Amino acid sequence: MTNYSRWIDQGLKKPGKSGAELGRILNLTRDKISKMRAGTRQPRADEIPLIEQYLGEPAPHRKRLAAAPASPRPKSKAMRALETLDAPSASGGFSEEMVALKRDENFGGLKGGANQGVWRVWSRALELAGYLPGDAVLVDSTVTPAAGDVGVQIFDDKTGDYRTRLRLYQPPYIVTSTMDRKAQEEPLVVDNDRVWIWGTVIRSVRQRRP
């Protein structure tokens, strides 16, 4: 579980930092700041970037997973096979909804920069929002999440790891938007622990078929 309380508590012990000033920035009472330091209140998604800026260091989940999109990942046999299929059938039987492109991969001119990741979408979860299997999305972790399309990390109890998903953010929930019953999921609350927003989609690309 993400330990935000230790991050906040240790950060506020630095010279020049104080709970009172953080409370002023977040517009929170001293009691709520104390609860965050004790771990009885989790910071909201929109509060985390402000806390990061004030403490001068990234949140624990960013330290742990920010490098995930850039990690080398050889294409599996299943992935190579999927790239030869039509988009509507590409997600059938494929376990990952989104696959990170490596730094040296160029998808239609779409390349990620600092604090950005490029994922290939293999799900119909947001087809009604305009995203189809085979599309690529550029996600920026520095853009404050607002209502719209976001890349999220959802904890998978079966594997004990986080899975990357493309969802619509309707605060405080993330939702799917599809006619495919297999891709439909119940809304999930962004609790910044088991469900947290990696970043906001700022661009998408669809390759033209020959």
N, C-alpha and C. Protein backbone atom coordinates (compact mmCIF):
# COMPACT_ATOMS: atom_id res chain seq x y z
N MET A 1 0.84 -1.20 0.00
CA MET A 1 0.00 0.00 0.00
C MET A 1 0.87 1.25 0.00
N THR A 2 0.42 2.25 -0.69
CA THR A 2 1.20 3.48 -0.79
C THR A 2 1.21 4.21 0.55
N ASN A 3 2.38 4.51 1.05
CA ASN A 3 2.52 5.15 2.35
C ASN A 3 2.68 6.66 2.17
N TYR A 4 1.55 7.35 1.98
CA TYR A 4 1.60 8.80 1.83
C TYR A 4 1.90 9.48 3.16
N SER A 5 1.48 8.87 4.27
CA SER A 5 1.66 9.51 5.57
C SER A 5 3.14 9.71 5.88
N ARG A 6 3.95 8.70 5.61
CA ARG A 6 5.39 8.82 5.88
C ARG A 6 6.01 9.88 4.98
N TRP A 7 5.61 9.89 3.71
CA TRP A 7 6.11 10.87 2.75
C TRP A 7 5.81 12.29 3.22
N ILE A 8 4.57 12.53 3.63
CA ILE A 8 4.16 13.87 4.07
C ILE A 8 4.83 14.23 5.39
N ASP A 9 4.82 13.28 6.34
CA ASP A 9 5.39 13.55 7.65
C ASP A 9 6.88 13.87 7.56
N GLN A 10 7.62 13.04 6.80
CA GLN A 10 9.06 13.28 6.66
C GLN A 10 9.33 14.58 5.90
N GLY A 11 8.48 14.87 4.90
CA GLY A 11 8.67 16.09 4.14
C GLY A 11 8.46 17.35 4.96
N LEU A 12 7.52 17.28 5.88
CA LEU A 12 7.22 18.45 6.72
C LEU A 12 8.24 18.65 7.83
N LYS A 13 9.12 17.68 8.01
CA LYS A 13 10.19 17.81 9.00
C LYS A 13 11.42 18.50 8.42
N LYS A 14 11.38 18.75 7.11
CA LYS A 14 12.50 19.43 6.48
C LYS A 14 12.55 20.90 6.92
N PRO A 15 13.71 21.49 6.92
CA PRO A 15 13.82 22.92 7.28
C PRO A 15 12.95 23.78 6.37
N GLY A 16 12.21 24.69 6.96
CA GLY A 16 11.39 25.62 6.20
C GLY A 16 10.01 25.09 5.85
N LYS A 17 9.71 23.84 6.19
CA LYS A 17 8.42 23.26 5.88
C LYS A 17 7.57 23.18 7.15
N SER A 18 6.27 23.33 6.98
CA SER A 18 5.39 23.27 8.14
C SER A 18 4.00 22.79 7.74
N GLY A 19 3.34 22.14 8.68
CA GLY A 19 1.98 21.68 8.44
C GLY A 19 1.02 22.84 8.24
N ALA A 20 1.29 23.94 8.92
CA ALA A 20 0.41 25.10 8.80
C ALA A 20 0.46 25.67 7.38
N GLU A 21 1.67 25.75 6.81
CA GLU A 21 1.80 26.29 5.46
C GLU A 21 1.19 25.33 4.43
N LEU A 22 1.39 24.03 4.62
CA LEU A 22 0.78 23.06 3.71
C LEU A 22 -0.74 23.13 3.79
N GLY A 23 -1.25 23.32 5.00
CA GLY A 23 -2.69 23.47 5.16
C GLY A 23 -3.22 24.69 4.44
N ARG A 24 -2.44 25.77 4.46
CA ARG A 24 -2.86 26.98 3.75
C ARG A 24 -2.89 26.74 2.25
N ILE A 25 -1.89 26.04 1.74
CA ILE A 25 -1.82 25.76 0.30
C ILE A 25 -2.98 24.87 -0.14
N LEU A 26 -3.30 23.87 0.68
CA LEU A 26 -4.35 22.92 0.33
C LEU A 26 -5.74 23.38 0.79
N ASN A 27 -5.77 24.47 1.55
CA ASN A 27 -7.02 24.95 2.13
C ASN A 27 -7.64 23.89 3.04
N LEU A 28 -6.77 23.32 3.91
CA LEU A 28 -7.20 22.29 4.84
C LEU A 28 -6.91 22.74 6.27
N THR A 29 -7.70 22.23 7.20
CA THR A 29 -7.50 22.56 8.61
C THR A 29 -6.27 21.84 9.15
N ARG A 30 -5.79 22.32 10.30
CA ARG A 30 -4.65 21.68 10.95
C ARG A 30 -4.96 20.22 11.28
N ASP A 31 -6.22 19.96 11.65
CA ASP A 31 -6.62 18.60 11.99
C ASP A 31 -6.49 17.66 10.79
N LYS A 32 -6.88 18.13 9.61
CA LYS A 32 -6.80 17.27 8.42
C LYS A 32 -5.35 17.02 8.01
N ILE A 33 -4.50 18.03 8.19
CA ILE A 33 -3.07 17.83 7.91
C ILE A 33 -2.50 16.80 8.87
N SER A 34 -2.89 16.89 10.14
CA SER A 34 -2.42 15.92 11.14
C SER A 34 -2.88 14.51 10.79
N LYS A 35 -4.10 14.39 10.28
CA LYS A 35 -4.62 13.07 9.89
C LYS A 35 -3.86 12.51 8.70
N MET A 36 -3.46 13.37 7.77
CA MET A 36 -2.66 12.89 6.65
C MET A 36 -1.29 12.41 7.12
N ARG A 37 -0.71 13.12 8.08
CA ARG A 37 0.59 12.72 8.61
C ARG A 37 0.50 11.41 9.37
N ALA A 38 -0.66 11.17 9.98
CA ALA A 38 -0.87 9.94 10.76
C ALA A 38 -1.36 8.78 9.90
N GLY A 39 -1.80 9.08 8.68
CA GLY A 39 -2.27 8.03 7.80
C GLY A 39 -3.74 7.72 7.89
N THR A 40 -4.50 8.54 8.63
CA THR A 40 -5.94 8.30 8.76
C THR A 40 -6.74 9.06 7.71
N ARG A 41 -6.06 9.88 6.91
CA ARG A 41 -6.70 10.56 5.78
C ARG A 41 -5.75 10.51 4.59
N GLN A 42 -6.22 9.99 3.46
CA GLN A 42 -5.42 9.95 2.25
C GLN A 42 -5.57 11.27 1.49
N PRO A 43 -4.50 11.79 0.91
CA PRO A 43 -4.63 13.00 0.09
C PRO A 43 -5.42 12.69 -1.17
N ARG A 44 -6.22 13.66 -1.62
CA ARG A 44 -7.01 13.48 -2.84
C ARG A 44 -6.09 13.63 -4.06
N ALA A 45 -6.61 13.18 -5.21
CA ALA A 45 -5.81 13.22 -6.44
C ALA A 45 -5.37 14.63 -6.78
N ASP A 46 -6.26 15.61 -6.57
CA ASP A 46 -5.91 16.98 -6.92
C ASP A 46 -4.99 17.64 -5.89
N GLU A 47 -4.85 17.02 -4.71
CA GLU A 47 -3.98 17.58 -3.68
C GLU A 47 -2.52 17.12 -3.84
N ILE A 48 -2.34 15.94 -4.43
CA ILE A 48 -1.00 15.36 -4.51
C ILE A 48 -0.01 16.25 -5.27
N PRO A 49 -0.36 16.79 -6.46
CA PRO A 49 0.61 17.66 -7.13
C PRO A 49 1.01 18.88 -6.30
N LEU A 50 0.09 19.44 -5.54
CA LEU A 50 0.41 20.59 -4.70
C LEU A 50 1.33 20.20 -3.56
N ILE A 51 1.11 19.01 -3.00
CA ILE A 51 1.98 18.53 -1.93
C ILE A 51 3.38 18.27 -2.49
N GLU A 52 3.44 17.66 -3.67
CA GLU A 52 4.73 17.40 -4.30
C GLU A 52 5.50 18.70 -4.52
N GLN A 53 4.79 19.72 -5.00
CA GLN A 53 5.45 21.00 -5.28
C GLN A 53 5.96 21.63 -3.98
N TYR A 54 5.17 21.54 -2.91
CA TYR A 54 5.57 22.18 -1.66
C TYR A 54 6.73 21.42 -1.01
N LEU A 55 6.66 20.08 -1.01
CA LEU A 55 7.71 19.29 -0.37
C LEU A 55 8.96 19.19 -1.23
N GLY A 56 8.80 19.43 -2.54
CA GLY A 56 9.95 19.38 -3.42
C GLY A 56 10.41 17.98 -3.76
N GLU A 57 9.50 17.01 -3.69
CA GLU A 57 9.84 15.65 -4.06
C GLU A 57 8.58 14.91 -4.51
N PRO A 58 8.74 13.94 -5.41
CA PRO A 58 7.57 13.25 -5.95
C PRO A 58 6.89 12.36 -4.93
N ALA A 59 5.62 12.11 -5.16
CA ALA A 59 4.85 11.20 -4.31
C ALA A 59 5.40 9.79 -4.42
N PRO A 60 5.17 8.95 -3.42
CA PRO A 60 5.73 7.59 -3.44
C PRO A 60 5.36 6.79 -4.68
N HIS A 61 4.11 6.91 -5.15
CA HIS A 61 3.72 6.10 -6.30
C HIS A 61 4.45 6.54 -7.57
N ARG A 62 4.79 7.81 -7.66
CA ARG A 62 5.54 8.27 -8.84
C ARG A 62 6.98 7.73 -8.78
N LYS A 63 7.56 7.69 -7.61
CA LYS A 63 8.90 7.14 -7.47
C LYS A 63 8.93 5.68 -7.90
N ARG A 64 7.86 4.97 -7.56
CA ARG A 64 7.83 3.53 -7.80
C ARG A 64 7.52 3.18 -9.25
N LEU A 65 6.64 3.95 -9.89
CA LEU A 65 6.12 3.53 -11.18
C LEU A 65 6.32 4.52 -12.33
N ALA A 66 6.89 5.69 -12.02
CA ALA A 66 7.01 6.69 -13.08
C ALA A 66 7.86 6.20 -14.25
N ALA A 67 8.80 5.31 -13.96
CA ALA A 67 9.68 4.81 -15.02
C ALA A 67 9.06 3.66 -15.80
N ALA A 68 7.88 3.19 -15.39
CA ALA A 68 7.29 2.00 -16.03
C ALA A 68 7.11 2.14 -17.53
N PRO A 69 6.58 3.29 -18.06
CA PRO A 69 6.37 3.37 -19.50
C PRO A 69 7.65 3.26 -20.32
N ALA A 70 8.78 3.64 -19.72
CA ALA A 70 10.02 3.64 -20.48
C ALA A 70 10.82 2.35 -20.32
N SER A 71 10.35 1.44 -19.46
CA SER A 71 11.10 0.22 -19.24
C SER A 71 11.11 -0.65 -20.49
N PRO A 72 12.26 -1.20 -20.86
CA PRO A 72 12.33 -2.04 -22.05
C PRO A 72 11.39 -3.23 -21.92
N ARG A 73 10.66 -3.48 -22.96
CA ARG A 73 9.72 -4.58 -22.94
C ARG A 73 9.69 -5.23 -24.32
N PRO A 74 10.31 -6.38 -24.48
CA PRO A 74 10.30 -7.03 -25.79
C PRO A 74 8.89 -7.43 -26.18
N LYS A 75 8.62 -7.35 -27.46
CA LYS A 75 7.29 -7.71 -27.95
C LYS A 75 7.12 -9.23 -27.87
N SER A 76 6.05 -9.64 -27.24
CA SER A 76 5.76 -11.05 -27.12
C SER A 76 5.18 -11.59 -28.42
N LYS A 77 5.10 -12.89 -28.51
CA LYS A 77 4.51 -13.52 -29.69
C LYS A 77 3.06 -13.07 -29.84
N ALA A 78 2.35 -12.96 -28.69
CA ALA A 78 0.96 -12.53 -28.73
C ALA A 78 0.85 -11.10 -29.23
N MET A 79 1.79 -10.23 -28.82
CA MET A 79 1.75 -8.85 -29.24
C MET A 79 2.00 -8.73 -30.73
N ARG A 80 2.97 -9.49 -31.24
CA ARG A 80 3.27 -9.44 -32.67
C ARG A 80 2.07 -9.93 -33.49
N ALA A 81 1.38 -10.93 -32.96
CA ALA A 81 0.21 -11.45 -33.66
C ALA A 81 -0.92 -10.44 -33.66
N LEU A 82 -1.07 -9.73 -32.53
CA LEU A 82 -2.15 -8.75 -32.42
C LEU A 82 -1.98 -7.61 -33.41
N GLU A 83 -0.76 -7.23 -33.69
CA GLU A 83 -0.52 -6.10 -34.56
C GLU A 83 -0.93 -6.39 -36.00
N THR A 84 -1.14 -7.66 -36.31
CA THR A 84 -1.57 -8.02 -37.66
C THR A 84 -3.08 -8.15 -37.77
N LEU A 85 -3.79 -7.99 -36.65
CA LEU A 85 -5.24 -8.16 -36.64
C LEU A 85 -5.96 -6.83 -36.78
N ASP A 86 -7.22 -6.89 -37.15
CA ASP A 86 -8.05 -5.70 -37.16
C ASP A 86 -8.29 -5.27 -35.73
N ALA A 87 -8.40 -3.96 -35.51
CA ALA A 87 -8.52 -3.42 -34.16
C ALA A 87 -9.67 -4.01 -33.35
N PRO A 88 -10.90 -4.17 -33.89
CA PRO A 88 -12.00 -4.67 -33.06
C PRO A 88 -11.75 -6.04 -32.45
N SER A 89 -10.96 -6.87 -33.12
CA SER A 89 -10.72 -8.21 -32.58
C SER A 89 -9.39 -8.32 -31.86
N ALA A 90 -8.65 -7.20 -31.83
CA ALA A 90 -7.30 -7.26 -31.27
C ALA A 90 -7.30 -7.51 -29.78
N SER A 91 -8.33 -7.03 -29.06
CA SER A 91 -8.32 -7.16 -27.61
C SER A 91 -8.81 -8.51 -27.14
N GLY A 92 -9.38 -9.30 -28.02
CA GLY A 92 -9.91 -10.58 -27.60
C GLY A 92 -8.80 -11.52 -27.14
N GLY A 93 -8.87 -11.94 -25.90
CA GLY A 93 -7.90 -12.87 -25.37
C GLY A 93 -6.55 -12.25 -25.01
N PHE A 94 -6.43 -10.94 -25.10
CA PHE A 94 -5.17 -10.29 -24.75
C PHE A 94 -5.27 -9.74 -23.34
N SER A 95 -4.34 -10.12 -22.48
CA SER A 95 -4.48 -9.84 -21.06
C SER A 95 -4.23 -8.37 -20.70
N GLU A 96 -3.37 -7.69 -21.46
CA GLU A 96 -3.05 -6.30 -21.13
C GLU A 96 -3.92 -5.35 -21.93
N GLU A 97 -4.55 -4.41 -21.25
CA GLU A 97 -5.35 -3.40 -21.95
C GLU A 97 -4.48 -2.36 -22.62
N MET A 98 -3.33 -2.07 -22.02
CA MET A 98 -2.42 -1.08 -22.57
C MET A 98 -0.99 -1.60 -22.44
N VAL A 99 -0.20 -1.38 -23.47
CA VAL A 99 1.19 -1.82 -23.47
C VAL A 99 2.09 -0.63 -23.72
N ALA A 100 3.10 -0.45 -22.88
CA ALA A 100 4.00 0.69 -23.01
C ALA A 100 4.92 0.53 -24.20
N LEU A 101 5.07 1.60 -24.99
CA LEU A 101 6.05 1.62 -26.06
C LEU A 101 7.41 1.99 -25.49
N LYS A 102 8.44 1.39 -26.04
CA LYS A 102 9.79 1.70 -25.58
C LYS A 102 10.21 3.08 -26.08
N ARG A 103 11.24 3.62 -25.49
CA ARG A 103 11.70 4.96 -25.82
C ARG A 103 12.05 5.11 -27.29
N ASP A 104 12.62 4.04 -27.87
CA ASP A 104 13.06 4.15 -29.25
C ASP A 104 11.98 3.80 -30.27
N GLU A 105 10.77 3.48 -29.79
CA GLU A 105 9.68 3.19 -30.70
C GLU A 105 8.98 4.49 -31.10
N ASN A 106 8.69 4.60 -32.37
CA ASN A 106 8.03 5.80 -32.88
C ASN A 106 6.71 5.39 -33.52
N PHE A 107 5.62 5.78 -32.89
CA PHE A 107 4.29 5.41 -33.38
C PHE A 107 3.63 6.63 -34.00
N GLY A 108 3.69 6.70 -35.31
CA GLY A 108 3.06 7.82 -36.00
C GLY A 108 3.56 9.18 -35.55
N GLY A 109 4.84 9.26 -35.19
CA GLY A 109 5.39 10.52 -34.72
C GLY A 109 5.15 10.79 -33.25
N LEU A 110 4.50 9.87 -32.55
CA LEU A 110 4.17 10.06 -31.14
C LEU A 110 5.29 9.52 -30.27
N LYS A 111 5.97 10.41 -29.56
CA LYS A 111 7.04 10.00 -28.67
C LYS A 111 6.90 10.75 -27.36
N GLY A 112 7.20 10.05 -26.27
CA GLY A 112 7.08 10.65 -24.95
C GLY A 112 8.32 11.41 -24.55
N GLY A 113 8.12 12.49 -23.80
CA GLY A 113 9.22 13.25 -23.26
C GLY A 113 9.35 13.00 -21.77
N ALA A 114 9.97 13.94 -21.06
CA ALA A 114 10.11 13.81 -19.62
C ALA A 114 8.74 13.78 -18.95
N ASN A 115 8.58 12.86 -18.01
CA ASN A 115 7.33 12.71 -17.26
C ASN A 115 6.15 12.35 -18.16
N GLN A 116 6.45 11.75 -19.31
CA GLN A 116 5.39 11.32 -20.22
C GLN A 116 5.59 9.85 -20.59
N GLY A 117 4.51 9.20 -20.95
CA GLY A 117 4.56 7.82 -21.39
C GLY A 117 3.66 7.61 -22.59
N VAL A 118 4.07 6.71 -23.48
CA VAL A 118 3.26 6.37 -24.64
C VAL A 118 2.81 4.91 -24.50
N TRP A 119 1.49 4.72 -24.56
CA TRP A 119 0.94 3.38 -24.46
C TRP A 119 0.15 3.02 -25.72
N ARG A 120 0.20 1.76 -26.09
CA ARG A 120 -0.62 1.24 -27.17
C ARG A 120 -1.88 0.65 -26.54
N VAL A 121 -3.04 1.06 -27.01
CA VAL A 121 -4.32 0.64 -26.43
C VAL A 121 -4.77 -0.66 -27.08
N TRP A 122 -5.12 -1.66 -26.26
CA TRP A 122 -5.62 -2.93 -26.78
C TRP A 122 -6.93 -3.29 -26.09
N SER A 123 -7.80 -2.33 -25.94
CA SER A 123 -9.07 -2.56 -25.27
C SER A 123 -10.15 -1.68 -25.88
N ARG A 124 -11.39 -2.12 -25.77
CA ARG A 124 -12.52 -1.32 -26.22
C ARG A 124 -13.15 -0.54 -25.06
N ALA A 125 -12.45 -0.47 -23.96
CA ALA A 125 -13.01 0.13 -22.75
C ALA A 125 -13.47 1.57 -22.95
N LEU A 126 -12.84 2.31 -23.87
CA LEU A 126 -13.23 3.71 -24.12
C LEU A 126 -13.58 3.93 -25.59
N GLU A 127 -14.16 2.92 -26.22
CA GLU A 127 -14.47 3.07 -27.64
C GLU A 127 -15.49 4.18 -27.89
N LEU A 128 -16.43 4.40 -26.98
CA LEU A 128 -17.42 5.46 -27.17
C LEU A 128 -16.83 6.84 -26.94
N ALA A 129 -15.62 6.87 -26.37
CA ALA A 129 -14.91 8.14 -26.20
C ALA A 129 -13.93 8.37 -27.35
N GLY A 130 -13.91 7.41 -28.30
CA GLY A 130 -13.08 7.62 -29.49
C GLY A 130 -11.79 6.85 -29.54
N TYR A 131 -11.52 5.96 -28.57
CA TYR A 131 -10.29 5.19 -28.56
C TYR A 131 -10.57 3.75 -28.97
N LEU A 132 -9.85 3.27 -29.98
CA LEU A 132 -10.03 1.91 -30.47
C LEU A 132 -8.75 1.10 -30.27
N PRO A 133 -8.89 -0.22 -30.20
CA PRO A 133 -7.69 -1.06 -30.09
C PRO A 133 -6.71 -0.77 -31.23
N GLY A 134 -5.46 -0.64 -30.88
CA GLY A 134 -4.43 -0.31 -31.86
C GLY A 134 -4.00 1.15 -31.80
N ASP A 135 -4.83 2.01 -31.19
CA ASP A 135 -4.46 3.42 -31.03
C ASP A 135 -3.31 3.56 -30.03
N ALA A 136 -2.62 4.67 -30.12
CA ALA A 136 -1.59 4.99 -29.13
C ALA A 136 -1.95 6.30 -28.46
N VAL A 137 -1.64 6.40 -27.15
CA VAL A 137 -1.95 7.62 -26.40
C VAL A 137 -0.70 8.13 -25.71
N LEU A 138 -0.56 9.45 -25.69
CA LEU A 138 0.53 10.11 -24.98
C LEU A 138 -0.04 10.65 -23.67
N VAL A 139 0.52 10.18 -22.56
CA VAL A 139 0.01 10.54 -21.24
C VAL A 139 1.07 11.34 -20.50
N ASP A 140 0.65 12.46 -19.93
CA ASP A 140 1.56 13.36 -19.22
C ASP A 140 1.25 13.33 -17.73
N SER A 141 2.24 12.94 -16.93
CA SER A 141 2.02 12.82 -15.48
C SER A 141 2.04 14.16 -14.76
N THR A 142 2.45 15.23 -15.46
CA THR A 142 2.51 16.54 -14.80
C THR A 142 1.24 17.35 -14.98
N VAL A 143 0.33 16.88 -15.83
CA VAL A 143 -0.93 17.58 -16.05
C VAL A 143 -1.92 17.18 -14.97
N THR A 144 -2.40 18.14 -14.20
CA THR A 144 -3.32 17.86 -13.10
C THR A 144 -4.58 17.19 -13.63
N PRO A 145 -4.95 16.04 -13.07
CA PRO A 145 -6.13 15.33 -13.56
C PRO A 145 -7.40 16.16 -13.41
N ALA A 146 -8.19 16.18 -14.46
CA ALA A 146 -9.51 16.81 -14.44
C ALA A 146 -10.45 15.84 -15.14
N ALA A 147 -11.72 16.17 -15.18
CA ALA A 147 -12.68 15.29 -15.84
C ALA A 147 -12.24 15.08 -17.28
N GLY A 148 -12.09 13.82 -17.68
CA GLY A 148 -11.65 13.52 -19.03
C GLY A 148 -10.90 12.21 -19.10
N ASP A 149 -10.04 12.07 -20.11
CA ASP A 149 -9.36 10.81 -20.37
C ASP A 149 -8.04 10.76 -19.61
N VAL A 150 -7.84 9.68 -18.86
CA VAL A 150 -6.62 9.57 -18.06
C VAL A 150 -6.07 8.14 -18.14
N GLY A 151 -4.77 8.05 -17.88
CA GLY A 151 -4.14 6.75 -17.71
C GLY A 151 -4.06 6.47 -16.22
N VAL A 152 -4.57 5.33 -15.82
CA VAL A 152 -4.64 5.02 -14.39
C VAL A 152 -3.89 3.73 -14.08
N GLN A 153 -3.55 3.57 -12.82
CA GLN A 153 -2.97 2.34 -12.32
C GLN A 153 -3.96 1.72 -11.34
N ILE A 154 -4.33 0.47 -11.60
CA ILE A 154 -5.30 -0.24 -10.77
C ILE A 154 -4.63 -1.49 -10.21
N PHE A 155 -4.72 -1.67 -8.90
CA PHE A 155 -4.08 -2.82 -8.27
C PHE A 155 -4.83 -4.10 -8.62
N ASP A 156 -4.07 -5.11 -9.02
CA ASP A 156 -4.63 -6.41 -9.40
C ASP A 156 -4.36 -7.40 -8.28
N ASP A 157 -5.42 -7.83 -7.60
CA ASP A 157 -5.25 -8.75 -6.48
C ASP A 157 -4.68 -10.10 -6.92
N LYS A 158 -4.96 -10.50 -8.16
CA LYS A 158 -4.50 -11.81 -8.63
C LYS A 158 -2.97 -11.84 -8.80
N THR A 159 -2.41 -10.75 -9.28
CA THR A 159 -0.97 -10.71 -9.55
C THR A 159 -0.18 -9.96 -8.48
N GLY A 160 -0.87 -9.17 -7.67
CA GLY A 160 -0.19 -8.36 -6.67
C GLY A 160 0.58 -7.21 -7.27
N ASP A 161 0.16 -6.76 -8.46
CA ASP A 161 0.85 -5.68 -9.15
C ASP A 161 -0.19 -4.70 -9.68
N TYR A 162 0.30 -3.55 -10.19
CA TYR A 162 -0.59 -2.56 -10.77
C TYR A 162 -0.71 -2.79 -12.27
N ARG A 163 -1.90 -2.54 -12.81
CA ARG A 163 -2.16 -2.64 -14.24
C ARG A 163 -2.53 -1.27 -14.79
N THR A 164 -1.99 -0.97 -15.96
CA THR A 164 -2.29 0.31 -16.59
C THR A 164 -3.58 0.21 -17.38
N ARG A 165 -4.46 1.19 -17.21
CA ARG A 165 -5.74 1.20 -17.90
C ARG A 165 -6.01 2.61 -18.43
N LEU A 166 -6.83 2.69 -19.48
CA LEU A 166 -7.29 3.97 -20.00
C LEU A 166 -8.75 4.12 -19.59
N ARG A 167 -9.05 5.20 -18.89
CA ARG A 167 -10.40 5.37 -18.35
C ARG A 167 -10.83 6.84 -18.47
N LEU A 168 -12.13 7.06 -18.31
CA LEU A 168 -12.67 8.41 -18.19
C LEU A 168 -12.69 8.77 -16.71
N TYR A 169 -12.20 9.95 -16.41
CA TYR A 169 -12.19 10.42 -15.02
C TYR A 169 -13.41 11.30 -14.80
N GLN A 170 -14.30 10.85 -13.94
CA GLN A 170 -15.47 11.60 -13.53
C GLN A 170 -15.39 11.70 -12.01
N PRO A 171 -14.63 12.68 -11.52
CA PRO A 171 -14.30 12.76 -10.09
C PRO A 171 -15.48 12.47 -9.19
N PRO A 172 -15.29 11.57 -8.20
CA PRO A 172 -14.02 10.90 -7.85
C PRO A 172 -13.86 9.52 -8.49
N TYR A 173 -14.62 9.24 -9.55
CA TYR A 173 -14.60 7.90 -10.13
C TYR A 173 -13.83 7.85 -11.45
N ILE A 174 -13.39 6.62 -11.82
CA ILE A 174 -12.95 6.33 -13.18
C ILE A 174 -13.95 5.34 -13.75
N VAL A 175 -14.30 5.50 -15.03
CA VAL A 175 -15.35 4.67 -15.63
C VAL A 175 -14.94 4.25 -17.04
N THR A 176 -15.59 3.20 -17.53
CA THR A 176 -15.44 2.79 -18.91
C THR A 176 -16.56 3.42 -19.74
N SER A 177 -16.39 3.40 -21.06
CA SER A 177 -17.40 3.95 -21.97
C SER A 177 -17.38 3.10 -23.23
N THR A 178 -18.17 2.03 -23.21
CA THR A 178 -18.11 1.05 -24.28
C THR A 178 -19.43 0.30 -24.41
N MET A 179 -19.63 -0.28 -25.59
CA MET A 179 -20.77 -1.15 -25.82
C MET A 179 -20.39 -2.62 -25.67
N ASP A 180 -19.11 -2.86 -25.46
CA ASP A 180 -18.61 -4.23 -25.29
C ASP A 180 -18.79 -4.65 -23.83
N ARG A 181 -19.66 -5.59 -23.58
CA ARG A 181 -19.93 -6.01 -22.21
C ARG A 181 -18.70 -6.56 -21.51
N LYS A 182 -17.81 -7.20 -22.28
CA LYS A 182 -16.61 -7.76 -21.68
C LYS A 182 -15.67 -6.66 -21.19
N ALA A 183 -15.76 -5.49 -21.80
CA ALA A 183 -14.86 -4.39 -21.42
C ALA A 183 -15.49 -3.45 -20.40
N GLN A 184 -16.78 -3.63 -20.11
CA GLN A 184 -17.45 -2.78 -19.14
C GLN A 184 -17.01 -3.14 -17.72
N GLU A 185 -16.82 -2.12 -16.91
CA GLU A 185 -16.46 -2.33 -15.51
C GLU A 185 -17.22 -1.36 -14.64
N GLU A 186 -17.40 -1.75 -13.40
CA GLU A 186 -18.05 -0.87 -12.43
C GLU A 186 -17.15 0.34 -12.16
N PRO A 187 -17.74 1.51 -11.90
CA PRO A 187 -16.92 2.68 -11.55
C PRO A 187 -16.06 2.40 -10.32
N LEU A 188 -14.85 2.92 -10.34
CA LEU A 188 -13.93 2.77 -9.21
C LEU A 188 -13.58 4.14 -8.66
N VAL A 189 -13.46 4.23 -7.36
CA VAL A 189 -13.08 5.48 -6.72
C VAL A 189 -11.56 5.63 -6.77
N VAL A 190 -11.10 6.80 -7.16
CA VAL A 190 -9.66 7.09 -7.15
C VAL A 190 -9.27 7.37 -5.70
N ASP A 191 -8.66 6.36 -5.06
CA ASP A 191 -8.32 6.50 -3.64
C ASP A 191 -6.83 6.78 -3.44
N ASN A 192 -6.08 6.90 -4.56
CA ASN A 192 -4.64 7.16 -4.51
C ASN A 192 -3.87 6.08 -3.77
N ASP A 193 -4.44 4.90 -3.73
CA ASP A 193 -3.77 3.76 -3.13
C ASP A 193 -3.88 2.57 -4.08
N ARG A 194 -5.04 1.96 -4.10
CA ARG A 194 -5.27 0.85 -5.03
C ARG A 194 -5.64 1.35 -6.43
N VAL A 195 -6.12 2.57 -6.49
CA VAL A 195 -6.46 3.19 -7.78
C VAL A 195 -5.90 4.61 -7.77
N TRP A 196 -5.00 4.89 -8.69
CA TRP A 196 -4.46 6.25 -8.77
C TRP A 196 -4.19 6.62 -10.21
N ILE A 197 -4.24 7.92 -10.46
CA ILE A 197 -4.08 8.44 -11.82
C ILE A 197 -2.62 8.71 -12.12
N TRP A 198 -2.10 8.03 -13.16
CA TRP A 198 -0.70 8.26 -13.56
C TRP A 198 -0.56 9.60 -14.27
N GLY A 199 -1.52 9.90 -15.14
CA GLY A 199 -1.44 11.16 -15.87
C GLY A 199 -2.63 11.36 -16.80
N THR A 200 -2.62 12.47 -17.48
CA THR A 200 -3.71 12.87 -18.36
C THR A 200 -3.33 12.65 -19.83
N VAL A 201 -4.27 12.14 -20.61
CA VAL A 201 -4.02 11.95 -22.04
C VAL A 201 -3.99 13.32 -22.72
N ILE A 202 -2.90 13.62 -23.41
CA ILE A 202 -2.79 14.91 -24.09
C ILE A 202 -2.79 14.76 -25.61
N ARG A 203 -2.66 13.53 -26.10
CA ARG A 203 -2.69 13.30 -27.55
C ARG A 203 -2.89 11.84 -27.83
N SER A 204 -3.52 11.52 -28.95
CA SER A 204 -3.68 10.13 -29.39
C SER A 204 -3.42 10.05 -30.89
N VAL A 205 -3.01 8.87 -31.34
CA VAL A 205 -2.68 8.65 -32.75
C VAL A 205 -3.28 7.32 -33.19
N ARG A 206 -3.82 7.32 -34.39
CA ARG A 206 -4.32 6.08 -35.00
C ARG A 206 -3.61 5.92 -36.34
N GLN A 207 -2.91 4.80 -36.49
CA GLN A 207 -2.19 4.58 -37.73
C GLN A 207 -3.16 4.22 -38.86
N ARG A 208 -2.90 4.80 -40.01
CA ARG A 208 -3.71 4.50 -41.18
C ARG A 208 -3.30 3.14 -41.72
N ARG A 209 -4.29 2.34 -42.03
CA ARG A 209 -4.00 1.01 -42.57
C ARG A 209 -3.72 1.10 -44.06
N PRO A 210 -2.79 0.30 -44.55
CA PRO A 210 -2.46 0.34 -45.97
C PRO A 210 -3.61 -0.19 -46.82
